Amino acid sequence: MATRPIGIIMHGITGRMGYNQHLLRSILAIRDEGGVLLSSGDRLMPEPVLVGRNAEKIEAIARKHGLSKTTTDLDAALADPANTIFFDAGSTQMRVALLEKAIAAGKHIYCEKPISETLEEALSVAASAERRGVKNGVVQDKLFLPGLRKIAMLRDSGFFGKILSVRGEFGYWVFEGDWGVKAQRPSWNYRRQDGGGMILDMLPHWRYVLDNLFGEVKSVSCLGATHIPSRVDENGNTYAADADDAAYATFELEGGIIAHINSSWAVRVRRDDLVTFQVDGTHGSAVCGLMRCWTQHRVNTPKPVWNPDQPQPINFFDTWDEVPDTQAFDNGFKAQWEEFLRHVAEDAPWKYTLREGAKGVQLAELAQQSWAERRWVDVPKIAR
């Protein structure tokens, strides 16, 4: 069987997510395994072309990992017929222009979310890809997490009975940078003019999680907040952090399910993981983090009694059973990359298109509207 090379222009790989999850743990991991196995028995071998404005940075990454193709000239990379896919993990504000340029060059498109800052732009770039006939996709990595895949398995098995509600808790303390501990996230995340903000960053994630696992989002009520108004940037300069660093959102889903998700970069963690989801149903409940998942069936549910005059006698954590690892789950970003590469190479099934990504931008926009107007906002279907 043959090994078929496929050139992938990779933009934004000097950033934390682009480097760690997409280059290192996805593309380079696929290369180390001998490429993606296709239905024909052939192997599809990614050939990354690292693109960026800082030649020194991208060349250093290439040397570290034994790669040879780097350039600061995006136009030249797009003009090379050996390069089939354009991938972007750069800033949201740059993304639309980059995607439009790559689409015009006839490249297939894969990118991080959100795909834009506005629904109008998101739909415009999705329409461009559809008119040009290029395959396209947006990263929806949380669906590939082992914890949420176990939730999906429980749902498909009928474990929950009728699902009633979903509760999510996401976030951790991002250090302010002004008292000896540096911030662990880039400063642009906290400046509105640079495209920062929790709502734009995380509501697109919650849209695809809710839509795909529990039911299509029908309406949203969201309250944003800027809890930490001043932070210190990478150069030690104090700046006004005027973007929302927390979002408290409630969603009405198809089928009458109610979901509530708290997202915050100003919260200290006392839970099983940095993100947890609890799903409650008539027959059983489950709680998952990134990797692990615990269940409680109705026959194993304790019967607590409210008594404020004595310590609680039940250790509630002990009343849950962990879902065993009955199958091996690969890195979620890598798993989605493999699906997209098969989609490009042999038209394998694929649903995570730019138009699906536009739904996340829509929800972020409507959540911002809900916050500004202090009311529930309906989520209309996006017309084709």
Foldseek 3Di string as FASTA:
>chain_A
DEEAEAEEEEEPCLDPCNVPQPPPQALLVCVVVPAFQAPVRYHYHYQYAYEDQDPVSVVVVCVVSVHDHYDPDVVVVLQDPRHAEYEYEHAQDCQLVVLLVSLVSVHAYEYEPDNHLALVSLVVSLVSNVVSVHHFFYDQLLCQFQFNVVLQVCVVVCQQPAWAEKEKEAEAAFDQCPPPDHGPDAPLLQAVVRPHADLRVPLLNVQVSCCVRPAHWWKKAKAFAQPDQWGAGPVRHIDGRHHTFKMWMWTQGPPRYIYIYIYGNHDHDDDDENMKMWIHHPFWIKIGDRNWMKIAGPVLDDDFDDDPPDPGPDPVVVSIHIDDPPDDRGRSSNVVVSQVVNCNPPVPDDDRGSVSSSLSSQSSVNNVVSNVVVHMDTRDDDDD
